[in-house]
Amino acid sequence: MGSKKCKRCGVEKGSSEFYAAPRNLDGRMGKCKSCVKSSVRENRRKRSDQYAQYEKSRANLPHRIEARLKYQEKYKERILAYKRRWAADNGESITSSKRGYYERNREEVISRSKRWALENAEKVKVAKINNRRKRRAAKNAGGGRFTAEEFDALCSVYGFACLCCGVIGRRLEADHVVPHEGRFRRHRQYSALVR
């Protein structure tokens, strides 16, 4: 195998460091592989909007949509398991991203929610009825009372970790599992104790 000088970087390299180009006399491109890769990256960076638009238009072609739907149907369980695993591993990132989006687009999110509620009045009504029913059931089934000191002691026994997801450092809430009126009012007092 011979060597060749790259037209871009000017470094002498072995033939294997150049991509094949059958139309050239020596059968290799004039630029080495690393120079080709860097110019492709540079081009993509300069024209990122153009590439994004192109990819979006390709993704919406009918045969691609159909292929995506078939794939999703065939591997439904695998995709669902992956999404659950990813969500469990990236909980903090997801929460932070959602919070950031809401803070940047607060007015739009609120107006969109109000618009949806107006357009789906029946769904909102059913949801409110269900929420009231669940709240009554939780209140009747919950029972028990505890002081702020008891709650703080319980939290320290478990290392101030959320019993649901195991994350440490979040604000713990007394009404996390079975929320109801009496506990909800007191949880604000506890939040200062368990940060």
Protein backbone atom coordinates (compact mmCIF):
# COMPACT_ATOMS: atom_id res chain seq x y z
CA MET A 1 0.00 0.00 0.00
CA GLY A 2 1.35 3.40 -0.98
CA SER A 3 1.04 6.77 0.68
CA LYS A 4 -0.54 10.02 -0.40
CA LYS A 5 -0.49 13.68 0.62
CA CYS A 6 -3.82 15.20 1.75
CA LYS A 7 -4.88 18.26 -0.28
CA ARG A 8 -6.39 19.91 2.78
CA CYS A 9 -4.03 19.30 5.71
CA GLY A 10 -0.92 18.55 3.62
CA VAL A 11 0.06 15.51 5.73
CA GLU A 12 1.46 12.39 4.04
CA LYS A 13 -0.70 9.40 5.02
CA GLY A 14 -1.19 5.78 4.01
CA SER A 15 -3.75 4.97 1.28
CA SER A 16 -6.06 3.39 3.84
CA GLU A 17 -6.48 6.88 5.39
CA PHE A 18 -8.29 8.07 2.23
CA TYR A 19 -11.80 7.11 1.17
CA ALA A 20 -12.25 5.17 -2.07
CA ALA A 21 -12.98 7.26 -5.19
CA PRO A 22 -13.08 4.97 -8.29
CA ARG A 23 -13.09 7.92 -10.71
CA ASN A 24 -9.72 9.22 -9.48
CA LEU A 25 -6.54 7.81 -11.05
CA ASP A 26 -5.24 6.29 -7.82
CA GLY A 27 -8.77 5.21 -6.70
CA ARG A 28 -8.69 7.41 -3.56
CA MET A 29 -10.08 10.84 -2.61
CA GLY A 30 -7.76 13.85 -2.48
CA LYS A 31 -8.62 14.68 1.16
CA CYS A 32 -7.89 12.28 4.02
CA LYS A 33 -10.69 10.71 6.07
CA SER A 34 -10.24 13.02 9.08
CA CYS A 35 -10.34 16.14 6.84
CA VAL A 36 -13.47 14.86 5.07
CA LYS A 37 -15.15 14.21 8.43
CA SER A 38 -14.25 17.65 9.79
CA SER A 39 -15.53 19.43 6.64
CA VAL A 40 -18.80 17.44 6.83
CA ARG A 41 -19.22 18.43 10.50
CA GLU A 42 -18.41 22.06 9.67
CA ASN A 43 -20.91 22.09 6.80
CA ARG A 44 -23.61 20.56 8.98
CA ARG A 45 -22.95 23.11 11.74
CA LYS A 46 -23.18 26.04 9.28
CA ARG A 47 -26.41 24.76 7.71
CA SER A 48 -28.06 23.20 10.78
CA ASP A 49 -31.45 24.85 10.06
CA GLN A 50 -31.42 23.63 6.47
CA TYR A 51 -30.57 20.05 7.55
CA ALA A 52 -33.23 20.10 10.28
CA GLN A 53 -35.87 21.19 7.76
CA TYR A 54 -34.75 18.49 5.33
CA GLU A 55 -34.88 15.76 7.98
CA LYS A 56 -38.32 16.93 9.11
CA SER A 57 -39.68 16.84 5.55
CA ARG A 58 -38.23 13.34 5.03
CA ALA A 59 -39.70 12.10 8.30
CA ASN A 60 -43.20 13.14 7.18
CA LEU A 61 -43.15 11.22 3.89
CA PRO A 62 -46.06 8.71 3.81
CA HIS A 63 -43.88 5.59 3.46
CA ARG A 64 -41.70 6.67 6.39
CA ILE A 65 -44.74 7.35 8.61
CA GLU A 66 -46.11 3.92 7.72
CA ALA A 67 -42.76 2.23 8.44
CA ARG A 68 -42.53 4.03 11.82
CA LEU A 69 -46.04 2.92 12.80
CA LYS A 70 -45.28 -0.70 11.84
CA TYR A 71 -42.05 -0.63 13.84
CA GLN A 72 -43.81 0.86 16.88
CA GLU A 73 -46.54 -1.77 16.68
CA LYS A 74 -44.06 -4.65 16.28
CA TYR A 75 -41.81 -3.56 19.16
CA LYS A 76 -44.45 -1.93 21.37
CA GLU A 77 -43.44 -3.70 24.61
CA ARG A 78 -39.70 -3.17 24.05
CA ILE A 79 -40.20 0.56 23.34
CA LEU A 80 -42.43 0.96 26.41
CA ALA A 81 -39.87 -0.80 28.64
CA TYR A 82 -37.08 1.41 27.26
CA LYS A 83 -39.12 4.58 27.86
CA ARG A 84 -39.87 3.53 31.44
CA ARG A 85 -36.20 2.73 32.09
CA TRP A 86 -35.08 6.02 30.54
CA ALA A 87 -37.64 8.02 32.56
CA ALA A 88 -36.54 6.30 35.79
CA ASP A 89 -32.86 7.01 35.05
CA ASN A 90 -33.46 10.64 34.01
CA GLY A 91 -36.15 11.78 36.46
CA GLU A 92 -34.23 14.84 37.63
CA SER A 93 -33.43 15.92 34.08
CA ILE A 94 -37.06 15.51 32.96
CA THR A 95 -38.39 17.49 35.92
CA SER A 96 -35.83 20.24 35.39
CA SER A 97 -36.60 20.40 31.65
CA LYS A 98 -40.36 20.60 32.24
CA ARG A 99 -39.92 23.27 34.90
CA GLY A 100 -37.65 25.30 32.60
CA TYR A 101 -40.10 25.03 29.71
CA TYR A 102 -42.96 26.17 31.94
CA GLU A 103 -40.97 29.13 33.26
CA ARG A 104 -40.00 30.23 29.74
CA ASN A 105 -43.49 29.77 28.30
CA ARG A 106 -45.73 30.34 31.32
CA GLU A 107 -48.30 32.59 29.64
CA GLU A 108 -48.61 30.31 26.61
CA VAL A 109 -48.99 27.17 28.76
CA ILE A 110 -51.70 28.78 30.90
CA SER A 111 -53.64 30.10 27.89
CA ARG A 112 -53.35 26.70 26.16
CA SER A 113 -54.68 24.96 29.29
CA LYS A 114 -57.59 27.38 29.56
CA ARG A 115 -58.39 26.98 25.88
CA TRP A 116 -58.33 23.18 26.20
CA ALA A 117 -60.60 23.33 29.27
CA LEU A 118 -63.12 25.47 27.37
CA GLU A 119 -63.06 23.13 24.35
CA ASN A 120 -63.36 20.01 26.55
CA ALA A 121 -65.85 21.11 29.19
CA GLU A 122 -67.35 17.62 29.56
CA LYS A 123 -63.95 16.00 30.21
CA VAL A 124 -63.10 18.69 32.78
CA LYS A 125 -66.44 18.10 34.53
CA VAL A 126 -65.88 14.32 34.70
CA ALA A 127 -62.28 14.82 35.94
CA LYS A 128 -63.45 17.17 38.72
CA ILE A 129 -66.10 14.68 39.84
CA ASN A 130 -63.54 11.86 39.88
CA ASN A 131 -61.03 13.99 41.80
CA ARG A 132 -63.64 14.89 44.43
CA ARG A 133 -64.60 11.22 44.75
CA LYS A 134 -60.97 10.14 45.14
CA ARG A 135 -60.31 12.89 47.67
CA ARG A 136 -63.32 11.85 49.78
CA ALA A 137 -62.22 8.20 49.64
CA ALA A 138 -58.65 9.08 50.60
CA LYS A 139 -59.83 11.27 53.46
CA ASN A 140 -62.10 8.57 54.85
CA ALA A 141 -59.51 5.80 54.42
CA GLY A 142 -56.45 7.82 55.46
CA GLY A 143 -57.02 8.22 59.17
CA GLY A 144 -54.29 8.97 61.68
CA ARG A 145 -52.57 12.16 62.72
CA PHE A 146 -48.96 13.04 63.45
CA THR A 147 -46.94 16.02 64.65
CA ALA A 148 -44.21 17.86 62.79
CA GLU A 149 -41.61 16.26 65.11
CA GLU A 150 -42.95 12.76 64.34
CA PHE A 151 -42.80 13.43 60.62
CA ASP A 152 -39.25 14.75 60.90
CA ALA A 153 -38.20 11.66 62.88
CA LEU A 154 -39.76 9.37 60.26
CA CYS A 155 -37.94 11.20 57.48
CA SER A 156 -34.58 10.89 59.27
CA VAL A 157 -35.12 7.11 59.75
CA TYR A 158 -35.30 6.79 55.94
CA GLY A 159 -32.39 9.17 55.33
CA PHE A 160 -34.65 11.94 53.95
CA ALA A 161 -35.17 9.86 50.78
CA CYS A 162 -38.47 9.82 48.89
CA LEU A 163 -40.15 6.47 49.60
CA CYS A 164 -41.59 6.46 46.09
CA CYS A 165 -38.54 7.11 43.88
CA GLY A 166 -35.62 6.95 46.38
CA VAL A 167 -34.26 10.40 45.46
CA ILE A 168 -32.55 12.31 48.27
CA GLY A 169 -32.61 16.11 48.47
CA ARG A 170 -36.11 16.84 47.23
CA ARG A 171 -38.70 18.45 49.46
CA LEU A 172 -40.62 15.63 51.15
CA GLU A 173 -44.38 15.90 51.52
CA ALA A 174 -46.52 14.27 54.16
CA ASP A 175 -49.44 13.88 51.77
CA HIS A 176 -47.39 12.25 48.98
CA VAL A 177 -49.16 8.88 49.10
CA VAL A 178 -52.68 9.57 50.41
CA PRO A 179 -53.38 13.31 50.20
CA HIS A 180 -56.30 14.80 52.06
CA GLU A 181 -57.35 18.10 53.52
CA GLY A 182 -55.89 17.93 57.05
CA ARG A 183 -52.47 16.76 55.93
CA PHE A 184 -52.28 19.15 52.98
CA ARG A 185 -52.51 22.22 55.22
CA ARG A 186 -49.77 20.95 57.53
CA HIS A 187 -47.37 19.84 54.79
CA ARG A 188 -46.33 23.46 54.22
CA GLN A 189 -45.16 23.60 57.86
CA TYR A 190 -43.14 20.39 57.42
CA SER A 191 -41.43 21.39 54.18
CA ALA A 192 -39.08 23.71 56.08
CA LEU A 193 -38.06 20.79 58.32
CA VAL A 194 -37.20 18.31 55.59
CA ARG A 195 -35.10 20.00 52.93
